[in-house]
Amino acid sequence: MLRPLIAALLLASPALAQEFSTQAGSAVVVDHNTGQTLLSKNADVPLPPASMSKLMTLYMVFEALEDGRLTLDTELPVSAHAAQYGGSTMFLDPRDRVRVEDLIRGVVVLSGNDATAVLAEALSPDGTEDGFAQMMTERAHEIGMGNSMFRNSNGWPAAGHVMSMNDLAILAEKLITDFPQYYPYFAEREFAFDGRSPSNRFNRNPLLTLGIGADGLKTGHTQEAGYGLVGSAVQGDRRVTFVISGLESPSQRADESERIVNWAFRQFAEVDLAVDAIPAMTADVFMGEAATVPLVPEVGLTMLLPTSGREAVSGEIAYDGPIEAPVEAGTRLGTLTLAHPGIEPMVVPLVAGADVPRAGPLRRIQIAGGRVAGEVLGTAMERFR
């Protein structure tokens, strides 16, 4: 059942922000607190992710740290396969045994292809990077990243190795939310591992030094993919996460990333909606002591809206009804979908705001009698016509 809400009963909100035009070939911008998508451009298209795919390896390493398969002090051997990688590296060789924490920092700060492969082989079911890549794909699909397919652990160019920008945004959000204890690695600006790579000791994330609240996550670049970045920044109580790909140069990537962060923070603000003023937020109950049950948002109802102009938010309640009693307070019963021009709809779970016991015998007779009377009246009216 869909029940339209009257927009005027929600808090009047600012009007549509000026549309943001990005030079990136594909992009997505997400507000962390509300989960709203502020910008989406070719965001579901599977593309070569380059080194941004290292975030998936890191996610699985963090899982292994939490369940005890690894510790930060575990020393891992370096295989000939891992050591042969070119591009960005930690300059590892097969004689090394390297601590997991150093390898994590080598992946995050140095974008080490060799470091990523060492971690992958340690967690692989068959000890190979190929085996770990299959694990990556399976795990990615389990956590909702349906447009991702991995052929290696680090994003080295390979046919069929792809991710969408939405998948990378999902992954970034999960890294931030699931592993706050490890997330500070992404803000490190420099890591001089064993003095081996003095020219490759600085984090490539161009936003970390700008003082705009940036604290992650990972750059990427290949000839085919162009320049990309999975970024996140905090200002005040808000966090914004974004993914861009297909830029032509490091400077264009830096400029576009800063533009996106400034736009997302300056053009939008959190607004509390006046849900208590909406009388329509009830669901019909069948065979209950009460005929209806109040519907309340499962979480506080805050929506991110443009900062200029005035325009109301509209919405719809959806639930499968009537709902059969008994109903327990807190049970999910439906959804409230809020809409505003230029912003993707926000869907909020609705739960029962009160208990509704099953009706007693007398009440059930009254309900049944009312239904029969209604049916008889309906039949009589048909005959009268």
Protein backbone atom coordinates (compact mmCIF):
# COMPACT_ATOMS: atom_id res chain seq x y z
CA MET A 1 0.00 0.00 0.00
CA LEU A 2 1.31 3.43 -0.93
CA ARG A 3 0.16 6.41 1.08
CA PRO A 4 1.22 9.85 -0.26
CA LEU A 5 2.29 12.44 2.27
CA ILE A 6 1.51 16.13 2.05
CA ALA A 7 4.79 17.95 1.44
CA ALA A 8 3.73 21.00 3.46
CA LEU A 9 3.66 18.88 6.61
CA LEU A 10 7.38 18.34 6.34
CA LEU A 11 9.80 21.07 7.29
CA ALA A 12 10.17 23.52 4.43
CA SER A 13 13.54 22.91 2.84
CA PRO A 14 15.98 24.75 0.61
CA ALA A 15 15.63 24.37 -3.13
CA LEU A 16 17.77 22.54 -5.64
CA ALA A 17 21.48 23.25 -5.47
CA GLN A 18 23.26 24.19 -8.64
CA GLU A 19 24.06 21.02 -10.54
CA PHE A 20 27.70 20.02 -10.30
CA SER A 21 29.45 19.28 -13.58
CA THR A 22 32.49 17.04 -13.21
CA GLN A 23 35.27 16.43 -15.69
CA ALA A 24 35.61 12.86 -14.44
CA GLY A 25 34.41 10.15 -16.78
CA SER A 26 32.60 8.50 -13.90
CA ALA A 27 31.92 9.72 -10.38
CA VAL A 28 29.81 9.33 -7.26
CA VAL A 29 29.53 11.52 -4.14
CA VAL A 30 27.90 10.18 -0.96
CA ASP A 31 27.03 11.89 2.31
CA HIS A 32 28.20 9.56 5.09
CA ASN A 33 25.68 10.52 7.80
CA THR A 34 22.51 10.23 5.72
CA GLY A 35 23.70 7.82 3.03
CA GLN A 36 22.37 10.16 0.35
CA THR A 37 23.96 10.23 -3.09
CA LEU A 38 24.69 13.84 -4.04
CA LEU A 39 26.22 13.17 -7.46
CA SER A 40 26.19 10.15 -9.75
CA LYS A 41 27.77 9.93 -13.20
CA ASN A 42 28.23 6.56 -14.90
CA ALA A 43 28.51 5.23 -11.36
CA ASP A 44 27.36 1.66 -12.10
CA VAL A 45 29.62 1.15 -15.14
CA PRO A 46 32.33 -1.48 -14.45
CA LEU A 47 35.72 0.11 -15.22
CA PRO A 48 39.40 -0.71 -14.62
CA PRO A 49 39.96 0.56 -11.06
CA ALA A 50 43.78 0.53 -11.10
CA SER A 51 45.25 0.80 -7.59
CA MET A 52 41.91 1.79 -6.08
CA SER A 53 41.18 -1.97 -6.09
CA LYS A 54 43.83 -2.32 -3.35
CA LEU A 55 41.10 -1.14 -0.97
CA MET A 56 39.41 -4.53 -1.34
CA THR A 57 42.59 -6.31 -0.35
CA LEU A 58 42.94 -4.02 2.66
CA TYR A 59 39.33 -4.67 3.68
CA MET A 60 40.01 -8.41 3.71
CA VAL A 61 43.29 -7.91 5.59
CA PHE A 62 41.43 -5.92 8.25
CA GLU A 63 38.89 -8.74 8.51
CA ALA A 64 41.76 -11.18 9.02
CA LEU A 65 43.23 -9.00 11.75
CA GLU A 66 39.89 -8.95 13.55
CA ASP A 67 39.32 -12.71 13.42
CA GLY A 68 42.91 -13.57 14.38
CA ARG A 69 44.24 -14.99 11.12
CA LEU A 70 46.82 -12.19 11.13
CA THR A 71 48.31 -9.79 13.67
CA LEU A 72 50.02 -6.48 12.97
CA ASP A 73 53.30 -8.08 14.07
CA THR A 74 52.99 -11.19 11.91
CA GLU A 75 56.00 -11.41 9.58
CA LEU A 76 55.23 -12.58 6.06
CA PRO A 77 57.64 -13.95 3.44
CA VAL A 78 58.03 -12.28 0.05
CA SER A 79 57.56 -14.61 -2.90
CA ALA A 80 59.34 -14.27 -6.21
CA HIS A 81 55.93 -13.54 -7.74
CA ALA A 82 55.28 -10.63 -5.38
CA ALA A 83 58.79 -9.24 -5.80
CA GLN A 84 58.54 -9.17 -9.59
CA TYR A 85 55.86 -6.49 -9.65
CA GLY A 86 56.84 -3.14 -11.12
CA GLY A 87 55.14 0.22 -10.90
CA SER A 88 54.74 1.53 -7.36
CA THR A 89 56.53 -0.79 -4.95
CA MET A 90 58.18 -1.14 -1.53
CA PHE A 91 61.24 -2.60 -3.31
CA LEU A 92 60.79 -5.95 -1.58
CA ASP A 93 62.84 -9.00 -2.49
CA PRO A 94 62.43 -12.73 -1.74
CA ARG A 95 64.91 -12.58 1.16
CA ASP A 96 62.57 -10.29 3.14
CA ARG A 97 60.13 -11.10 5.90
CA VAL A 98 57.93 -8.06 6.50
CA ARG A 99 55.53 -7.17 9.33
CA VAL A 100 51.87 -6.97 8.37
CA GLU A 101 51.63 -3.40 9.67
CA ASP A 102 54.53 -2.32 7.44
CA LEU A 103 52.86 -4.01 4.49
CA ILE A 104 49.56 -2.20 5.21
CA ARG A 105 51.35 1.13 5.30
CA GLY A 106 53.21 0.13 2.16
CA VAL A 107 49.91 -0.46 0.39
CA VAL A 108 48.20 2.71 1.66
CA VAL A 109 51.02 5.24 1.48
CA LEU A 110 53.36 3.80 -1.15
CA SER A 111 50.69 1.98 -3.20
CA GLY A 112 53.03 -0.99 -3.21
CA ASN A 113 52.03 -3.60 -5.75
CA ASP A 114 54.50 -6.01 -4.17
CA ALA A 115 53.20 -5.39 -0.64
CA THR A 116 49.62 -6.04 -1.78
CA ALA A 117 50.61 -9.35 -3.37
CA VAL A 118 52.43 -10.48 -0.21
CA LEU A 119 49.29 -9.90 1.86
CA ALA A 120 47.14 -11.60 -0.78
CA GLU A 121 49.27 -14.74 -0.88
CA ALA A 122 49.20 -14.98 2.93
CA LEU A 123 45.37 -15.06 2.95
CA SER A 124 44.81 -17.02 -0.25
CA PRO A 125 43.27 -20.50 0.13
CA ASP A 126 45.94 -21.94 -2.17
CA GLY A 127 48.77 -19.51 -1.44
CA THR A 128 48.52 -17.79 -4.81
CA GLU A 129 47.45 -14.31 -5.81
CA ASP A 130 45.00 -15.83 -8.30
CA GLY A 131 43.32 -17.73 -5.48
CA PHE A 132 43.02 -14.56 -3.43
CA ALA A 133 41.55 -12.68 -6.40
CA GLN A 134 38.73 -15.22 -6.50
CA MET A 135 38.17 -14.65 -2.78
CA MET A 136 38.08 -10.91 -3.41
CA THR A 137 35.35 -11.28 -6.01
CA GLU A 138 33.24 -13.53 -3.81
CA ARG A 139 33.58 -11.27 -0.77
CA ALA A 140 32.85 -8.15 -2.82
CA HIS A 141 29.59 -9.65 -4.05
CA GLU A 142 28.66 -10.66 -0.49
CA ILE A 143 28.88 -7.05 0.70
CA GLY A 144 26.87 -5.65 -2.19
CA MET A 145 29.55 -4.84 -4.76
CA GLY A 146 27.87 -6.53 -7.71
CA ASN A 147 29.87 -4.81 -10.46
CA SER A 148 33.31 -5.89 -9.23
CA MET A 149 35.52 -8.63 -10.64
CA PHE A 150 39.15 -9.13 -9.62
CA ARG A 151 42.02 -10.77 -11.47
CA ASN A 152 44.73 -9.75 -9.01
CA SER A 153 45.11 -8.08 -5.62
CA ASN A 154 46.49 -4.70 -6.64
CA GLY A 155 44.80 -3.47 -9.81
CA TRP A 156 47.62 -4.36 -12.19
CA PRO A 157 46.08 -4.13 -15.69
CA ALA A 158 44.30 -7.40 -16.53
CA ALA A 159 41.36 -8.24 -18.78
CA GLY A 160 38.15 -8.45 -16.77
CA HIS A 161 39.51 -6.71 -13.65
CA VAL A 162 36.80 -4.11 -13.05
CA MET A 163 34.88 -2.16 -10.38
CA SER A 164 32.15 0.46 -10.59
CA MET A 165 32.36 3.80 -8.80
CA ASN A 166 29.33 2.83 -6.71
CA ASP A 167 31.10 -0.36 -5.65
CA LEU A 168 34.16 1.63 -4.61
CA ALA A 169 31.92 4.01 -2.65
CA ILE A 170 30.32 1.05 -0.85
CA LEU A 171 33.78 -0.27 -0.04
CA ALA A 172 35.03 3.09 1.21
CA GLU A 173 32.02 3.50 3.48
CA LYS A 174 32.53 0.01 4.90
CA LEU A 175 36.22 0.65 5.58
CA ILE A 176 35.29 3.81 7.47
CA THR A 177 32.41 2.22 9.39
CA ASP A 178 33.64 -1.34 9.99
CA PHE A 179 37.29 -0.63 10.81
CA PRO A 180 37.68 2.74 12.55
CA GLN A 181 40.68 1.33 14.43
CA TYR A 182 42.61 0.89 11.15
CA TYR A 183 41.23 3.83 9.20
CA PRO A 184 43.92 6.30 10.44
CA TYR A 185 46.45 4.54 8.18
CA PHE A 186 44.76 6.24 5.23
CA ALA A 187 45.67 9.71 6.51
CA GLU A 188 49.41 8.98 6.78
CA ARG A 189 51.35 11.26 4.47
CA GLU A 190 54.74 9.56 4.51
CA PHE A 191 56.24 6.11 5.08
CA ALA A 192 59.96 5.57 4.57
CA PHE A 193 60.16 1.78 4.72
CA ASP A 194 63.69 0.69 5.57
CA GLY A 195 65.05 3.66 3.61
CA ARG A 196 64.55 1.71 0.36
CA SER A 197 62.27 4.06 -1.53
CA PRO A 198 63.14 7.67 -0.74
CA SER A 199 61.48 8.86 -3.97
CA ASN A 200 58.31 6.86 -3.25
CA ARG A 201 57.68 7.61 0.41
CA PHE A 202 54.85 10.14 0.10
CA ASN A 203 51.13 9.44 -0.04
CA ARG A 204 49.75 10.27 -3.50
CA ASN A 205 46.41 11.54 -2.15
CA PRO A 206 46.52 15.23 -3.16
CA LEU A 207 43.92 16.29 -0.59
CA LEU A 208 45.75 15.32 2.60
CA THR A 209 47.81 18.52 2.75
CA LEU A 210 45.06 21.03 1.87
CA GLY A 211 43.46 21.47 5.29
CA ILE A 212 39.96 20.58 4.07
CA GLY A 213 39.42 17.60 6.38
CA ALA A 214 40.58 14.90 3.95
CA ASP A 215 41.71 11.69 5.64
CA GLY A 216 41.65 9.01 2.93
CA LEU A 217 41.58 6.82 0.97
CA LYS A 218 43.38 5.73 -2.24
CA THR A 219 44.53 7.00 -5.60
CA GLY A 220 44.76 4.96 -8.79
CA HIS A 221 46.27 5.32 -12.23
CA THR A 222 46.85 3.21 -15.31
CA GLN A 223 47.05 4.08 -18.99
CA GLU A 224 43.62 2.58 -19.61
CA ALA A 225 41.83 3.87 -16.48
CA GLY A 226 43.30 7.35 -16.31
CA TYR A 227 43.69 9.04 -12.92
CA GLY A 228 41.22 8.27 -10.15
CA LEU A 229 40.70 8.75 -6.44
CA VAL A 230 38.59 7.30 -3.67
CA GLY A 231 38.43 10.19 -1.21
CA SER A 232 36.78 11.10 2.06
CA ALA A 233 36.77 14.26 4.16
CA VAL A 234 35.28 15.47 7.43
CA GLN A 235 34.14 19.00 8.26
CA GLY A 236 32.31 19.55 11.52
CA ASP A 237 29.84 16.71 12.06
CA ARG A 238 29.64 15.80 8.39
CA ARG A 239 31.67 13.36 6.29
CA VAL A 240 31.60 13.12 2.50
CA THR A 241 32.95 10.18 0.52
CA PHE A 242 33.52 10.32 -3.23
CA VAL A 243 35.00 8.34 -6.11
CA ILE A 244 36.20 9.74 -9.42
CA SER A 245 37.90 8.11 -12.39
CA GLY A 246 39.01 8.89 -15.92
CA LEU A 247 40.91 12.13 -15.28
CA GLU A 248 43.75 13.05 -17.61
CA SER A 249 46.51 14.08 -15.18
CA PRO A 250 47.44 14.16 -11.48
CA SER A 251 46.77 17.91 -11.39
CA GLN A 252 43.31 17.50 -12.91
CA ARG A 253 42.57 14.76 -10.36
CA ALA A 254 43.69 17.04 -7.52
CA ASP A 255 41.68 20.02 -8.74
CA GLU A 256 38.53 17.98 -9.36
CA SER A 257 38.74 16.29 -5.98
CA GLU A 258 39.04 19.61 -4.16
CA ARG A 259 36.12 21.06 -6.16
CA ILE A 260 33.93 18.10 -5.22
CA VAL A 261 34.74 18.35 -1.51
CA ASN A 262 34.08 22.09 -1.42
CA TRP A 263 30.83 21.72 -3.36
CA ALA A 264 29.50 18.89 -1.19
CA PHE A 265 30.14 20.74 2.07
CA ARG A 266 29.13 24.24 0.97
CA GLN A 267 26.05 23.52 -1.12
CA PHE A 268 24.30 21.12 1.26
CA ALA A 269 23.31 21.12 4.91
CA GLU A 270 21.62 18.65 7.26
CA VAL A 271 17.97 19.44 7.96
CA ASP A 272 15.77 17.77 10.60
CA LEU A 273 12.34 16.98 9.20
CA ALA A 274 9.21 17.59 11.26
CA VAL A 275 7.90 14.02 11.14
CA ASP A 276 5.81 14.40 14.30
CA ALA A 277 3.53 16.74 12.38
CA ILE A 278 2.48 14.07 9.86
CA PRO A 279 -0.84 12.48 10.90
CA ALA A 280 -0.79 10.07 7.96
CA MET A 281 2.03 7.97 9.42
CA THR A 282 -0.11 5.07 10.58
CA ALA A 283 -0.74 1.56 9.28
CA ASP A 284 -4.06 -0.31 9.33
CA VAL A 285 -4.15 -3.31 11.69
CA PHE A 286 -6.36 -6.40 11.23
CA MET A 287 -7.82 -8.17 14.26
CA GLY A 288 -6.10 -5.90 16.75
CA GLU A 289 -7.28 -4.13 19.87
CA ALA A 290 -6.54 -0.93 17.90
CA ALA A 291 -7.46 -0.35 14.26
CA THR A 292 -4.16 1.33 13.45
CA VAL A 293 -0.58 1.42 14.66
CA PRO A 294 1.67 4.51 14.52
CA LEU A 295 4.67 4.31 12.18
CA VAL A 296 7.86 5.99 13.33
CA PRO A 297 11.28 6.29 11.66
CA GLU A 298 13.74 3.65 12.85
CA VAL A 299 16.43 6.32 13.08
CA GLY A 300 16.38 10.09 13.50
CA LEU A 301 15.08 11.64 10.32
CA THR A 302 17.75 13.99 9.01
CA MET A 303 18.04 14.78 5.32
CA LEU A 304 20.80 16.55 3.46
CA LEU A 305 19.38 19.39 1.38
CA PRO A 306 20.68 22.28 -0.75
CA THR A 307 21.50 25.46 1.16
CA SER A 308 19.85 28.05 -1.12
CA GLY A 309 16.22 28.80 -1.93
CA ARG A 310 13.06 27.30 -0.41
CA GLU A 311 11.22 24.18 -1.53
CA ALA A 312 9.33 21.46 0.34
CA VAL A 313 10.20 17.78 0.66
CA SER A 314 7.60 15.25 -0.48
CA GLY A 315 7.29 11.63 0.52
CA GLU A 316 5.41 8.35 0.40
CA ILE A 317 4.74 5.69 3.01
CA ALA A 318 4.74 2.11 1.76
CA TYR A 319 3.70 -0.96 3.72
CA ASP A 320 1.97 -4.29 3.11
CA GLY A 321 -1.34 -4.05 4.86
CA PRO A 322 -3.51 -4.42 6.68
CA ILE A 323 -1.00 -5.73 9.22
CA GLU A 324 -2.24 -8.67 11.23
CA ALA A 325 -2.16 -8.35 15.02
CA PRO A 326 -0.38 -8.83 17.32
CA VAL A 327 2.12 -6.09 16.48
CA GLU A 328 5.20 -5.54 18.63
CA ALA A 329 6.66 -2.04 19.01
CA GLY A 330 9.89 -1.68 17.05
CA THR A 331 8.93 -4.17 14.33
CA ARG A 332 9.77 -3.00 10.82
CA LEU A 333 6.52 -2.46 8.96
CA GLY A 334 7.29 -0.24 5.98
CA THR A 335 9.33 2.57 4.50
CA LEU A 336 9.16 6.32 4.14
CA THR A 337 10.60 7.55 0.83
CA LEU A 338 11.54 11.24 0.86
CA ALA A 339 12.05 13.10 -2.40
CA HIS A 340 13.50 16.46 -3.33
CA PRO A 341 14.36 17.81 -6.81
CA GLY A 342 17.89 16.97 -7.89
CA ILE A 343 18.64 14.54 -5.04
CA GLU A 344 18.20 10.78 -5.14
CA PRO A 345 15.24 9.69 -2.97
CA MET A 346 16.03 8.81 0.64
CA VAL A 347 14.41 5.63 1.96
CA VAL A 348 13.90 5.38 5.73
CA PRO A 349 12.67 2.21 7.49
CA LEU A 350 9.48 2.67 9.51
CA VAL A 351 8.76 0.65 12.65
CA ALA A 352 5.73 0.16 14.86
CA GLY A 353 5.52 2.94 17.41
CA ALA A 354 3.39 0.93 19.87
CA ASP A 355 2.26 -2.58 20.75
CA VAL A 356 -1.08 -3.67 19.33
CA PRO A 357 -2.31 -6.87 21.03
CA ARG A 358 -4.50 -9.31 19.17
CA ALA A 359 -8.15 -8.51 19.72
CA GLY A 360 -10.10 -10.43 22.33
CA PRO A 361 -13.14 -12.58 21.43
CA LEU A 362 -15.68 -9.75 21.75
CA ARG A 363 -13.57 -7.34 19.71
CA ARG A 364 -13.04 -9.99 16.99
CA ILE A 365 -16.80 -10.50 16.78
CA GLN A 366 -17.28 -6.74 16.41
CA ILE A 367 -14.62 -6.59 13.67
CA ALA A 368 -16.10 -9.59 11.85
CA GLY A 369 -19.63 -8.12 12.21
CA GLY A 370 -18.46 -4.84 10.79
CA ARG A 371 -16.94 -6.56 7.78
CA VAL A 372 -20.11 -8.58 7.14
CA ALA A 373 -22.27 -5.46 7.47
CA GLY A 374 -20.04 -3.65 5.05
CA GLU A 375 -20.26 -6.47 2.53
CA VAL A 376 -24.07 -6.61 2.86
CA LEU A 377 -24.33 -2.85 2.42
CA GLY A 378 -22.08 -3.03 -0.60
CA THR A 379 -24.23 -5.74 -2.16
CA ALA A 380 -27.41 -3.76 -1.47
CA MET A 381 -25.95 -0.66 -3.07
CA GLU A 382 -25.03 -2.65 -6.17
CA ARG A 383 -28.61 -3.95 -6.42
CA PHE A 384 -30.00 -0.46 -5.89
CA ARG A 385 -27.94 0.79 -8.82
